[in-house]
């Protein structure tokens, strides 16, 4: 089963703002401020591309961006965004199908992994991790459960809706944090939004010997 976000491209941002206000935006903007100048940046699953608008406000120039999005309708919207004087390459495909040089300083995955089962999560995670330099930064925003009853209700409603409309494969949140821990990443900074239902974390890729010390 493969997700098809083409069906939601025309209403996705409006629905997100209706349900979450600016929380999804604020979580990702928080992460974007962690990006060093002149970085080689990989964005996977950027959706409608508004993240490019926000990124160009923080870094109007100097970035090399590779933007990977599997849904053609989302990609069309993304190409209309403001990228400032940054260099951007758009790739309309799944990241695991793309051949890229493993020289990225920063990887960004905005609410990407919430769509996947554990099996798919590991496959996609490993594909991205292999492209990131040692000491590179991975900026990830995801939904999370922190014990509040309404989080489970809202999460279940989201999964049912997007399973019907976009054919996503997930029916529960995969263990994203475990992937980072097992692959030698250290959590540098994190912030939570929307009653802690949304987590935004900045991870640093470190060698296994150092990772075992933390």
N, C-alpha and C. Protein backbone atom coordinates (compact mmCIF):
# COMPACT_ATOMS: atom_id res chain seq x y z
N UNK A 1 0.85 -1.19 0.00
CA UNK A 1 0.00 0.00 0.00
C UNK A 1 0.88 1.24 0.00
N UNK A 2 0.67 2.14 -0.93
CA UNK A 2 1.46 3.36 -0.98
C UNK A 2 0.55 4.57 -0.87
N UNK A 3 0.98 5.53 -0.05
CA UNK A 3 0.16 6.71 0.17
C UNK A 3 0.11 7.57 -1.09
N UNK A 4 -1.03 8.23 -1.29
CA UNK A 4 -1.20 9.10 -2.44
C UNK A 4 -1.75 10.44 -1.96
N UNK A 5 -0.83 11.35 -1.65
CA UNK A 5 -1.24 12.66 -1.13
C UNK A 5 -1.67 13.62 -2.24
N UNK A 6 -1.71 13.13 -3.48
CA UNK A 6 -2.28 13.95 -4.55
C UNK A 6 -3.71 14.34 -4.23
N UNK A 7 -4.44 13.41 -3.60
CA UNK A 7 -5.85 13.65 -3.32
C UNK A 7 -6.09 14.77 -2.30
N UNK A 8 -5.07 15.06 -1.51
CA UNK A 8 -5.25 16.06 -0.45
C UNK A 8 -4.49 17.36 -0.71
N UNK A 9 -3.79 17.44 -1.83
CA UNK A 9 -2.93 18.60 -2.07
C UNK A 9 -3.70 19.92 -2.01
N UNK A 10 -4.92 19.93 -2.55
CA UNK A 10 -5.65 21.19 -2.66
C UNK A 10 -6.22 21.68 -1.33
N UNK A 11 -6.37 20.78 -0.34
CA UNK A 11 -6.95 21.22 0.93
C UNK A 11 -6.04 20.96 2.13
N UNK A 12 -4.89 20.36 1.92
CA UNK A 12 -4.04 19.89 3.02
C UNK A 12 -3.67 21.02 3.99
N UNK A 13 -3.13 22.13 3.47
CA UNK A 13 -2.69 23.22 4.35
C UNK A 13 -3.86 23.87 5.09
N UNK A 14 -4.98 24.02 4.39
CA UNK A 14 -6.16 24.62 5.02
C UNK A 14 -6.69 23.76 6.16
N UNK A 15 -6.72 22.45 5.94
CA UNK A 15 -7.18 21.53 6.97
C UNK A 15 -6.24 21.55 8.17
N UNK A 16 -4.94 21.58 7.89
CA UNK A 16 -3.95 21.60 8.97
C UNK A 16 -4.11 22.85 9.84
N UNK A 17 -4.34 24.00 9.19
CA UNK A 17 -4.52 25.24 9.95
C UNK A 17 -5.83 25.21 10.74
N UNK A 18 -6.86 24.59 10.16
CA UNK A 18 -8.15 24.51 10.85
C UNK A 18 -8.05 23.69 12.13
N UNK A 19 -7.32 22.60 12.07
CA UNK A 19 -7.21 21.70 13.22
C UNK A 19 -6.14 22.15 14.21
N UNK A 20 -4.98 22.56 13.69
CA UNK A 20 -3.83 22.81 14.55
C UNK A 20 -3.40 24.27 14.64
N UNK A 21 -4.11 25.16 13.95
CA UNK A 21 -3.67 26.55 13.96
C UNK A 21 -2.30 26.66 13.32
N UNK A 22 -1.37 27.31 14.00
CA UNK A 22 0.00 27.45 13.49
C UNK A 22 0.97 26.44 14.10
N UNK A 23 0.45 25.46 14.83
CA UNK A 23 1.32 24.54 15.55
C UNK A 23 2.24 23.76 14.62
N UNK A 24 1.73 23.27 13.49
CA UNK A 24 2.56 22.51 12.55
C UNK A 24 3.65 23.40 11.97
N UNK A 25 3.28 24.63 11.66
CA UNK A 25 4.25 25.60 11.13
C UNK A 25 5.29 25.95 12.18
N UNK A 26 4.83 26.25 13.39
CA UNK A 26 5.75 26.66 14.45
C UNK A 26 6.77 25.56 14.78
N UNK A 27 6.31 24.32 14.75
CA UNK A 27 7.22 23.19 15.04
C UNK A 27 8.33 23.12 14.01
N UNK A 28 7.97 23.31 12.74
CA UNK A 28 8.97 23.20 11.69
C UNK A 28 9.88 24.43 11.62
N UNK A 29 9.31 25.60 11.88
CA UNK A 29 10.14 26.81 11.90
C UNK A 29 11.15 26.73 13.04
N UNK A 30 10.73 26.18 14.17
CA UNK A 30 11.66 25.97 15.28
C UNK A 30 12.87 25.15 14.82
N UNK A 31 12.62 24.13 14.02
CA UNK A 31 13.70 23.28 13.53
C UNK A 31 14.58 24.01 12.51
N UNK A 32 13.95 24.79 11.65
CA UNK A 32 14.70 25.45 10.58
C UNK A 32 15.75 26.41 11.13
N UNK A 33 15.54 26.94 12.31
CA UNK A 33 16.51 27.85 12.91
C UNK A 33 17.78 27.12 13.35
N UNK A 34 17.75 25.78 13.32
CA UNK A 34 18.94 25.02 13.69
C UNK A 34 19.91 24.84 12.52
N UNK A 35 19.50 25.22 11.31
CA UNK A 35 20.30 24.98 10.11
C UNK A 35 21.44 25.99 10.00
N UNK A 36 22.68 25.53 9.91
CA UNK A 36 23.81 26.45 9.73
C UNK A 36 23.80 27.07 8.33
N UNK A 37 24.41 28.22 8.21
CA UNK A 37 24.53 28.88 6.90
C UNK A 37 25.32 28.00 5.94
N UNK A 38 25.00 28.13 4.66
CA UNK A 38 25.71 27.45 3.57
C UNK A 38 25.64 25.92 3.67
N UNK A 39 24.57 25.41 4.24
CA UNK A 39 24.42 23.96 4.39
C UNK A 39 23.91 23.32 3.11
N UNK A 40 24.24 22.04 2.95
CA UNK A 40 23.67 21.20 1.91
C UNK A 40 22.50 20.46 2.55
N UNK A 41 21.29 20.81 2.16
CA UNK A 41 20.08 20.40 2.88
C UNK A 41 19.23 19.42 2.05
N UNK A 42 18.80 18.34 2.71
CA UNK A 42 17.89 17.38 2.10
C UNK A 42 16.54 17.49 2.79
N UNK A 43 15.49 17.78 2.02
CA UNK A 43 14.12 17.81 2.55
C UNK A 43 13.35 16.65 1.95
N UNK A 44 12.81 15.79 2.80
CA UNK A 44 12.07 14.62 2.32
C UNK A 44 10.63 14.70 2.80
N UNK A 45 9.69 14.69 1.88
CA UNK A 45 8.28 14.77 2.23
C UNK A 45 7.86 16.17 2.62
N UNK A 46 8.23 17.14 1.80
CA UNK A 46 7.94 18.55 2.11
C UNK A 46 6.51 18.97 1.86
N UNK A 47 5.69 18.06 1.31
CA UNK A 47 4.28 18.38 1.10
C UNK A 47 4.06 19.50 0.10
N UNK A 48 3.27 20.49 0.48
CA UNK A 48 2.93 21.59 -0.43
C UNK A 48 4.07 22.59 -0.58
N UNK A 49 5.13 22.43 0.20
CA UNK A 49 6.32 23.23 0.01
C UNK A 49 6.41 24.53 0.78
N UNK A 50 5.45 24.80 1.66
CA UNK A 50 5.54 26.07 2.39
C UNK A 50 6.80 26.14 3.24
N UNK A 51 7.39 24.98 3.54
CA UNK A 51 8.63 24.95 4.31
C UNK A 51 9.75 25.68 3.56
N UNK A 52 9.67 25.71 2.22
CA UNK A 52 10.65 26.44 1.42
C UNK A 52 10.51 27.95 1.62
N UNK A 53 9.27 28.42 1.72
CA UNK A 53 9.04 29.84 2.01
C UNK A 53 9.68 30.24 3.34
N UNK A 54 9.42 29.42 4.36
CA UNK A 54 9.94 29.72 5.69
C UNK A 54 11.46 29.63 5.72
N UNK A 55 12.01 28.64 5.02
CA UNK A 55 13.45 28.46 4.99
C UNK A 55 14.15 29.64 4.31
N UNK A 56 13.52 30.17 3.26
CA UNK A 56 14.12 31.31 2.54
C UNK A 56 14.08 32.59 3.37
N UNK A 57 13.14 32.67 4.31
CA UNK A 57 13.11 33.83 5.21
C UNK A 57 14.28 33.79 6.20
N UNK A 58 14.63 32.59 6.62
CA UNK A 58 15.74 32.43 7.58
C UNK A 58 17.08 32.48 6.86
N UNK A 59 17.15 31.81 5.70
CA UNK A 59 18.36 31.77 4.88
C UNK A 59 17.99 32.22 3.46
N UNK A 60 18.03 33.51 3.17
CA UNK A 60 17.65 34.00 1.84
C UNK A 60 18.58 33.51 0.73
N UNK A 61 19.79 33.11 1.10
CA UNK A 61 20.74 32.63 0.10
C UNK A 61 21.77 31.72 0.78
N UNK A 62 22.54 31.02 -0.05
CA UNK A 62 23.65 30.24 0.46
C UNK A 62 23.41 28.77 0.69
N UNK A 63 22.15 28.34 0.63
CA UNK A 63 21.84 26.93 0.84
C UNK A 63 21.77 26.17 -0.48
N UNK A 64 22.18 24.91 -0.44
CA UNK A 64 21.94 23.98 -1.54
C UNK A 64 20.89 22.99 -1.06
N UNK A 65 19.72 23.01 -1.68
CA UNK A 65 18.57 22.23 -1.20
C UNK A 65 18.20 21.16 -2.22
N UNK A 66 18.05 19.94 -1.75
CA UNK A 66 17.47 18.86 -2.56
C UNK A 66 16.12 18.53 -1.95
N UNK A 67 15.07 18.70 -2.74
CA UNK A 67 13.69 18.59 -2.25
C UNK A 67 13.05 17.35 -2.87
N UNK A 68 12.80 16.34 -2.04
CA UNK A 68 12.26 15.06 -2.52
C UNK A 68 10.83 14.91 -2.03
N UNK A 69 9.90 14.77 -2.97
CA UNK A 69 8.47 14.63 -2.65
C UNK A 69 7.86 13.64 -3.63
N UNK A 70 7.14 12.66 -3.11
CA UNK A 70 6.65 11.57 -3.95
C UNK A 70 5.36 11.93 -4.69
N UNK A 71 4.54 12.84 -4.15
CA UNK A 71 3.25 13.16 -4.76
C UNK A 71 3.40 14.26 -5.82
N UNK A 72 3.07 13.98 -7.07
CA UNK A 72 3.22 14.99 -8.13
C UNK A 72 2.44 16.28 -7.86
N UNK A 73 1.23 16.18 -7.33
CA UNK A 73 0.42 17.38 -7.07
C UNK A 73 1.08 18.25 -6.00
N UNK A 74 1.65 17.62 -4.99
CA UNK A 74 2.37 18.37 -3.96
C UNK A 74 3.61 19.02 -4.56
N UNK A 75 4.28 18.30 -5.44
CA UNK A 75 5.50 18.84 -6.06
C UNK A 75 5.19 20.07 -6.90
N UNK A 76 4.09 20.05 -7.63
CA UNK A 76 3.71 21.21 -8.44
C UNK A 76 3.53 22.45 -7.58
N UNK A 77 2.90 22.28 -6.42
CA UNK A 77 2.72 23.40 -5.50
C UNK A 77 4.06 23.86 -4.93
N UNK A 78 4.92 22.90 -4.62
CA UNK A 78 6.22 23.21 -4.03
C UNK A 78 7.08 24.04 -4.96
N UNK A 79 7.01 23.76 -6.25
CA UNK A 79 7.84 24.47 -7.23
C UNK A 79 7.44 25.94 -7.38
N UNK A 80 6.27 26.31 -6.87
CA UNK A 80 5.81 27.69 -6.96
C UNK A 80 6.25 28.52 -5.74
N UNK A 81 6.91 27.89 -4.80
CA UNK A 81 7.29 28.58 -3.57
C UNK A 81 8.50 29.49 -3.75
N UNK A 82 8.66 30.39 -2.81
CA UNK A 82 9.81 31.30 -2.83
C UNK A 82 11.01 30.59 -2.23
N UNK A 83 12.08 30.49 -2.99
CA UNK A 83 13.29 29.84 -2.49
C UNK A 83 14.45 30.83 -2.35
N UNK A 84 14.17 32.11 -2.52
CA UNK A 84 15.20 33.12 -2.41
C UNK A 84 16.29 32.91 -3.44
N UNK A 85 17.53 33.09 -3.03
CA UNK A 85 18.68 32.85 -3.90
C UNK A 85 19.35 31.50 -3.60
N UNK A 86 18.63 30.64 -2.93
CA UNK A 86 19.14 29.31 -2.64
C UNK A 86 19.04 28.43 -3.88
N UNK A 87 19.92 27.46 -3.98
CA UNK A 87 19.89 26.50 -5.08
C UNK A 87 18.99 25.33 -4.68
N UNK A 88 18.00 25.02 -5.53
CA UNK A 88 17.05 23.95 -5.21
C UNK A 88 16.93 22.97 -6.36
N UNK A 89 17.05 21.69 -6.04
CA UNK A 89 16.80 20.61 -7.00
C UNK A 89 15.56 19.87 -6.54
N UNK A 90 14.56 19.76 -7.40
CA UNK A 90 13.32 19.07 -7.07
C UNK A 90 13.35 17.66 -7.64
N UNK A 91 13.02 16.69 -6.81
CA UNK A 91 12.98 15.28 -7.24
C UNK A 91 11.63 14.69 -6.85
N UNK A 92 10.86 14.31 -7.86
CA UNK A 92 9.52 13.76 -7.64
C UNK A 92 9.59 12.23 -7.61
N UNK A 93 9.93 11.71 -6.42
CA UNK A 93 10.07 10.26 -6.27
C UNK A 93 10.16 9.94 -4.78
N UNK A 94 10.11 8.66 -4.45
CA UNK A 94 10.33 8.23 -3.07
C UNK A 94 11.82 8.23 -2.79
N UNK A 95 12.21 8.63 -1.60
CA UNK A 95 13.62 8.80 -1.28
C UNK A 95 14.40 7.50 -1.43
N UNK A 96 13.76 6.36 -1.16
CA UNK A 96 14.47 5.09 -1.25
C UNK A 96 14.77 4.70 -2.70
N UNK A 97 14.16 5.41 -3.65
CA UNK A 97 14.41 5.14 -5.07
C UNK A 97 15.42 6.09 -5.69
N UNK A 98 15.88 7.07 -4.90
CA UNK A 98 16.72 8.14 -5.42
C UNK A 98 18.19 7.88 -5.11
N UNK A 99 19.04 8.10 -6.10
CA UNK A 99 20.49 7.96 -5.92
C UNK A 99 21.11 9.34 -5.73
N UNK A 100 21.63 9.61 -4.53
CA UNK A 100 22.23 10.89 -4.21
C UNK A 100 23.57 10.68 -3.52
N UNK A 101 24.42 11.69 -3.57
CA UNK A 101 25.71 11.61 -2.89
C UNK A 101 25.51 11.76 -1.38
N UNK A 102 26.22 10.98 -0.58
CA UNK A 102 26.06 11.03 0.89
C UNK A 102 26.82 12.19 1.52
N UNK A 103 26.46 13.40 1.12
CA UNK A 103 27.20 14.57 1.59
C UNK A 103 26.30 15.68 2.11
N UNK A 104 25.17 15.31 2.69
CA UNK A 104 24.24 16.32 3.20
C UNK A 104 24.61 16.71 4.64
N UNK A 105 24.57 18.02 4.88
CA UNK A 105 24.82 18.55 6.22
C UNK A 105 23.58 18.46 7.10
N UNK A 106 22.42 18.55 6.46
CA UNK A 106 21.15 18.59 7.18
C UNK A 106 20.10 17.77 6.44
N UNK A 107 19.34 16.98 7.17
CA UNK A 107 18.17 16.29 6.62
C UNK A 107 16.93 16.78 7.38
N UNK A 108 15.85 17.01 6.65
CA UNK A 108 14.60 17.49 7.26
C UNK A 108 13.48 16.53 6.87
N UNK A 109 12.77 16.01 7.87
CA UNK A 109 11.64 15.12 7.62
C UNK A 109 10.43 15.63 8.40
N UNK A 110 9.62 16.49 7.77
CA UNK A 110 8.46 17.07 8.46
C UNK A 110 7.24 16.15 8.41
N UNK A 111 6.96 15.47 9.52
CA UNK A 111 5.79 14.59 9.65
C UNK A 111 5.79 13.49 8.59
N UNK A 112 6.97 13.07 8.19
CA UNK A 112 7.10 12.02 7.18
C UNK A 112 6.83 10.64 7.75
N UNK A 113 7.45 10.33 8.87
CA UNK A 113 7.43 8.96 9.38
C UNK A 113 6.10 8.55 9.98
N UNK A 114 5.24 9.51 10.31
CA UNK A 114 3.94 9.19 10.88
C UNK A 114 3.07 8.39 9.91
N UNK A 115 3.43 8.40 8.63
CA UNK A 115 2.64 7.72 7.61
C UNK A 115 2.94 6.23 7.51
N UNK A 116 4.00 5.76 8.16
CA UNK A 116 4.55 4.44 7.85
C UNK A 116 4.32 3.41 8.95
N UNK A 117 4.33 2.13 8.52
CA UNK A 117 4.44 1.04 9.47
C UNK A 117 5.89 0.94 9.91
N UNK A 118 6.16 0.12 10.93
CA UNK A 118 7.53 -0.03 11.43
C UNK A 118 8.47 -0.49 10.32
N UNK A 119 8.02 -1.43 9.49
CA UNK A 119 8.87 -1.97 8.44
C UNK A 119 9.27 -0.90 7.43
N UNK A 120 8.30 -0.12 6.98
CA UNK A 120 8.59 0.95 6.02
C UNK A 120 9.42 2.04 6.66
N UNK A 121 9.13 2.34 7.92
CA UNK A 121 9.90 3.36 8.65
C UNK A 121 11.38 3.06 8.59
N UNK A 122 11.77 1.84 8.90
CA UNK A 122 13.19 1.48 8.93
C UNK A 122 13.82 1.59 7.54
N UNK A 123 13.08 1.21 6.53
CA UNK A 123 13.59 1.28 5.16
C UNK A 123 13.85 2.73 4.75
N UNK A 124 12.89 3.59 4.99
CA UNK A 124 13.03 5.00 4.62
C UNK A 124 14.07 5.69 5.50
N UNK A 125 14.04 5.39 6.79
CA UNK A 125 15.00 5.98 7.73
C UNK A 125 16.43 5.67 7.30
N UNK A 126 16.69 4.41 6.99
CA UNK A 126 18.05 4.01 6.60
C UNK A 126 18.49 4.68 5.31
N UNK A 127 17.54 4.88 4.39
CA UNK A 127 17.87 5.54 3.11
C UNK A 127 18.32 6.98 3.36
N UNK A 128 17.66 7.66 4.27
CA UNK A 128 18.01 9.05 4.57
C UNK A 128 19.30 9.12 5.39
N UNK A 129 19.41 8.26 6.38
CA UNK A 129 20.58 8.27 7.24
C UNK A 129 21.87 8.07 6.46
N UNK A 130 21.80 7.23 5.44
CA UNK A 130 22.99 6.94 4.62
C UNK A 130 23.46 8.16 3.83
N UNK A 131 22.58 9.14 3.64
CA UNK A 131 22.93 10.34 2.86
C UNK A 131 23.47 11.47 3.72
N UNK A 132 23.39 11.30 5.02
CA UNK A 132 23.77 12.37 5.94
C UNK A 132 25.21 12.19 6.42
N UNK A 133 25.99 13.26 6.39
CA UNK A 133 27.37 13.22 6.87
C UNK A 133 27.43 12.90 8.36
N UNK A 134 28.55 12.39 8.81
CA UNK A 134 28.78 12.30 10.24
C UNK A 134 28.81 13.72 10.81
N UNK A 135 28.22 13.86 11.96
CA UNK A 135 28.04 15.16 12.62
C UNK A 135 26.99 16.02 11.92
N UNK A 136 26.31 15.44 10.93
CA UNK A 136 25.21 16.15 10.28
C UNK A 136 24.00 16.22 11.19
N UNK A 137 23.10 17.14 10.88
CA UNK A 137 21.89 17.34 11.68
C UNK A 137 20.68 16.76 10.98
N UNK A 138 19.82 16.13 11.77
CA UNK A 138 18.56 15.60 11.26
C UNK A 138 17.44 16.30 12.02
N UNK A 139 16.62 17.05 11.31
CA UNK A 139 15.53 17.79 11.91
C UNK A 139 14.23 17.05 11.62
N UNK A 140 13.59 16.56 12.67
CA UNK A 140 12.39 15.74 12.49
C UNK A 140 11.22 16.29 13.31
N UNK A 141 10.07 16.41 12.66
CA UNK A 141 8.83 16.78 13.35
C UNK A 141 7.84 15.62 13.19
N UNK A 142 7.24 15.23 14.30
CA UNK A 142 6.32 14.09 14.29
C UNK A 142 5.25 14.29 15.35
N UNK A 143 4.17 13.57 15.18
CA UNK A 143 3.17 13.51 16.24
C UNK A 143 3.67 12.54 17.30
N UNK A 144 3.19 12.72 18.53
CA UNK A 144 3.61 11.86 19.62
C UNK A 144 2.50 11.76 20.66
N UNK A 145 2.52 10.66 21.38
CA UNK A 145 1.55 10.45 22.45
C UNK A 145 2.24 10.63 23.79
N UNK A 146 1.69 11.51 24.61
CA UNK A 146 2.31 11.80 25.91
C UNK A 146 1.34 11.51 27.06
N UNK A 147 0.34 10.67 26.80
CA UNK A 147 -0.54 10.24 27.87
C UNK A 147 -1.86 10.98 28.01
N UNK A 148 -2.10 11.95 27.16
CA UNK A 148 -3.35 12.71 27.24
C UNK A 148 -4.42 12.03 26.39
N UNK A 149 -5.60 11.83 26.93
CA UNK A 149 -6.64 11.03 26.26
C UNK A 149 -7.02 11.58 24.90
N UNK A 150 -7.07 12.91 24.78
CA UNK A 150 -7.52 13.52 23.52
C UNK A 150 -6.52 13.31 22.39
N UNK A 151 -5.25 13.07 22.75
CA UNK A 151 -4.25 12.81 21.72
C UNK A 151 -4.58 11.53 20.96
N UNK A 152 -4.97 10.49 21.68
CA UNK A 152 -5.30 9.22 21.03
C UNK A 152 -6.55 9.34 20.16
N UNK A 153 -7.52 10.11 20.63
CA UNK A 153 -8.74 10.33 19.86
C UNK A 153 -8.43 11.07 18.56
N UNK A 154 -7.66 12.14 18.66
CA UNK A 154 -7.31 12.93 17.49
C UNK A 154 -6.43 12.13 16.54
N UNK A 155 -5.50 11.38 17.08
CA UNK A 155 -4.60 10.57 16.25
C UNK A 155 -5.39 9.51 15.48
N UNK A 156 -6.30 8.84 16.15
CA UNK A 156 -7.11 7.82 15.48
C UNK A 156 -7.94 8.43 14.36
N UNK A 157 -8.50 9.60 14.61
CA UNK A 157 -9.30 10.28 13.59
C UNK A 157 -8.43 10.64 12.38
N UNK A 158 -7.20 11.08 12.63
CA UNK A 158 -6.28 11.42 11.54
C UNK A 158 -5.96 10.20 10.70
N UNK A 159 -5.65 9.10 11.36
CA UNK A 159 -5.29 7.89 10.63
C UNK A 159 -6.46 7.39 9.77
N UNK A 160 -7.66 7.40 10.33
CA UNK A 160 -8.85 6.95 9.58
C UNK A 160 -9.08 7.85 8.37
N UNK A 161 -8.99 9.16 8.57
CA UNK A 161 -9.24 10.11 7.49
C UNK A 161 -8.23 9.95 6.35
N UNK A 162 -6.95 9.96 6.70
CA UNK A 162 -5.93 9.90 5.66
C UNK A 162 -5.77 8.49 5.07
N UNK A 163 -6.22 7.50 5.80
CA UNK A 163 -6.23 6.15 5.22
C UNK A 163 -7.28 6.07 4.11
N UNK A 164 -8.42 6.72 4.34
CA UNK A 164 -9.50 6.73 3.35
C UNK A 164 -9.17 7.63 2.16
N UNK A 165 -8.66 8.82 2.44
CA UNK A 165 -8.43 9.81 1.39
C UNK A 165 -7.12 9.59 0.65
N UNK A 166 -6.08 9.23 1.40
CA UNK A 166 -4.73 9.19 0.81
C UNK A 166 -4.08 7.81 0.84
N UNK A 167 -4.78 6.83 1.37
CA UNK A 167 -4.30 5.46 1.34
C UNK A 167 -3.00 5.26 2.12
N UNK A 168 -2.83 5.99 3.24
CA UNK A 168 -1.63 5.79 4.04
C UNK A 168 -1.68 4.40 4.66
N UNK A 169 -0.50 3.83 4.94
CA UNK A 169 -0.44 2.47 5.43
C UNK A 169 -0.50 2.37 6.95
N UNK A 170 -0.19 3.45 7.65
CA UNK A 170 -0.08 3.40 9.10
C UNK A 170 -1.45 3.43 9.79
N UNK A 171 -1.53 2.75 10.92
CA UNK A 171 -2.72 2.82 11.77
C UNK A 171 -2.33 3.15 13.20
N UNK A 172 -1.03 3.28 13.44
CA UNK A 172 -0.51 3.71 14.73
C UNK A 172 0.85 4.36 14.50
N UNK A 173 1.32 5.12 15.50
CA UNK A 173 2.61 5.79 15.36
C UNK A 173 3.75 4.77 15.47
N UNK A 174 4.69 4.79 14.53
CA UNK A 174 5.86 3.92 14.65
C UNK A 174 6.83 4.49 15.68
N UNK A 175 7.79 3.67 16.11
CA UNK A 175 8.76 4.10 17.12
C UNK A 175 9.91 4.84 16.45
N UNK A 176 9.70 6.11 16.20
CA UNK A 176 10.67 6.92 15.48
C UNK A 176 11.91 7.18 16.32
N UNK A 177 11.72 7.49 17.58
CA UNK A 177 12.86 7.81 18.44
C UNK A 177 13.83 6.64 18.55
N UNK A 178 13.31 5.44 18.57
CA UNK A 178 14.17 4.26 18.65
C UNK A 178 15.10 4.17 17.44
N UNK A 179 14.61 4.54 16.27
CA UNK A 179 15.44 4.53 15.07
C UNK A 179 16.64 5.46 15.22
N UNK A 180 16.40 6.65 15.73
CA UNK A 180 17.49 7.60 15.92
C UNK A 180 18.51 7.06 16.93
N UNK A 181 18.03 6.48 18.01
CA UNK A 181 18.92 5.96 19.04
C UNK A 181 19.77 4.81 18.51
N UNK A 182 19.15 3.91 17.77
CA UNK A 182 19.86 2.73 17.27
C UNK A 182 20.86 3.06 16.18
N UNK A 183 20.64 4.17 15.48
CA UNK A 183 21.50 4.51 14.35
C UNK A 183 22.59 5.52 14.71
N UNK A 184 22.77 5.74 16.01
CA UNK A 184 23.87 6.61 16.43
C UNK A 184 23.60 8.09 16.32
N UNK A 185 22.41 8.52 16.68
CA UNK A 185 22.07 9.94 16.70
C UNK A 185 21.89 10.39 18.14
N UNK A 186 22.32 11.61 18.41
CA UNK A 186 22.13 12.22 19.72
C UNK A 186 21.14 13.37 19.61
N UNK A 187 20.14 13.38 20.48
CA UNK A 187 19.16 14.47 20.50
C UNK A 187 19.83 15.72 21.04
N UNK A 188 19.87 16.76 20.21
CA UNK A 188 20.53 18.01 20.58
C UNK A 188 19.55 18.97 21.24
N UNK A 189 18.40 19.12 20.63
CA UNK A 189 17.39 20.01 21.20
C UNK A 189 16.00 19.56 20.75
N UNK A 190 15.01 19.81 21.57
CA UNK A 190 13.64 19.41 21.26
C UNK A 190 12.66 20.41 21.85
N UNK A 191 11.53 20.55 21.17
CA UNK A 191 10.46 21.39 21.69
C UNK A 191 9.14 20.72 21.33
N UNK A 192 8.13 20.93 22.17
CA UNK A 192 6.82 20.33 21.94
C UNK A 192 5.78 21.41 21.70
N UNK A 193 4.75 21.06 20.92
CA UNK A 193 3.72 22.00 20.51
C UNK A 193 2.34 21.34 20.60
N UNK A 194 1.31 22.16 20.60
CA UNK A 194 -0.08 21.70 20.60
C UNK A 194 -0.33 20.69 21.72
N UNK A 195 -0.12 21.13 22.94
CA UNK A 195 -0.36 20.26 24.09
C UNK A 195 0.53 19.04 24.09
N UNK A 196 1.75 19.19 23.60
CA UNK A 196 2.76 18.13 23.53
C UNK A 196 2.43 17.03 22.52
N UNK A 197 1.42 17.25 21.70
CA UNK A 197 1.03 16.26 20.67
C UNK A 197 1.99 16.28 19.49
N UNK A 198 2.70 17.38 19.33
CA UNK A 198 3.66 17.53 18.24
C UNK A 198 5.05 17.72 18.83
N UNK A 199 5.99 16.90 18.38
CA UNK A 199 7.36 17.01 18.85
C UNK A 199 8.30 17.38 17.72
N UNK A 200 9.19 18.33 17.97
CA UNK A 200 10.18 18.75 16.99
C UNK A 200 11.56 18.56 17.59
N UNK A 201 12.37 17.69 16.96
CA UNK A 201 13.67 17.37 17.52
C UNK A 201 14.80 17.56 16.53
N UNK A 202 15.94 18.03 17.02
CA UNK A 202 17.16 18.17 16.23
C UNK A 202 18.15 17.12 16.71
N UNK A 203 18.51 16.20 15.83
CA UNK A 203 19.43 15.11 16.16
C UNK A 203 20.76 15.31 15.44
N UNK A 204 21.84 14.86 16.08
CA UNK A 204 23.16 14.93 15.47
C UNK A 204 23.68 13.52 15.23
N UNK A 205 24.17 13.29 14.02
CA UNK A 205 24.70 11.98 13.66
C UNK A 205 26.13 11.85 14.16
N UNK A 206 26.34 10.91 15.08
CA UNK A 206 27.66 10.72 15.64
C UNK A 206 28.10 9.28 15.46
N UNK A 207 29.41 9.02 15.57
CA UNK A 207 29.92 7.67 15.33
C UNK A 207 29.50 6.75 16.46
N UNK A 208 29.46 5.47 16.18
CA UNK A 208 28.92 4.49 17.13
C UNK A 208 29.66 4.50 18.45
N UNK A 209 30.99 4.67 18.43
CA UNK A 209 31.77 4.65 19.67
C UNK A 209 31.35 5.80 20.58
N UNK A 210 31.10 6.97 19.96
CA UNK A 210 30.67 8.12 20.77
C UNK A 210 29.24 7.92 21.22
N UNK A 211 28.39 7.37 20.33
CA UNK A 211 26.98 7.19 20.66
C UNK A 211 26.82 6.31 21.88
N UNK A 212 27.70 5.29 22.07
CA UNK A 212 27.56 4.37 23.18
C UNK A 212 27.84 5.03 24.52
N UNK A 213 28.44 6.21 24.49
CA UNK A 213 28.78 6.92 25.72
C UNK A 213 27.60 7.67 26.31
N UNK A 214 26.53 7.87 25.51
CA UNK A 214 25.40 8.70 25.95
C UNK A 214 24.24 7.82 26.40
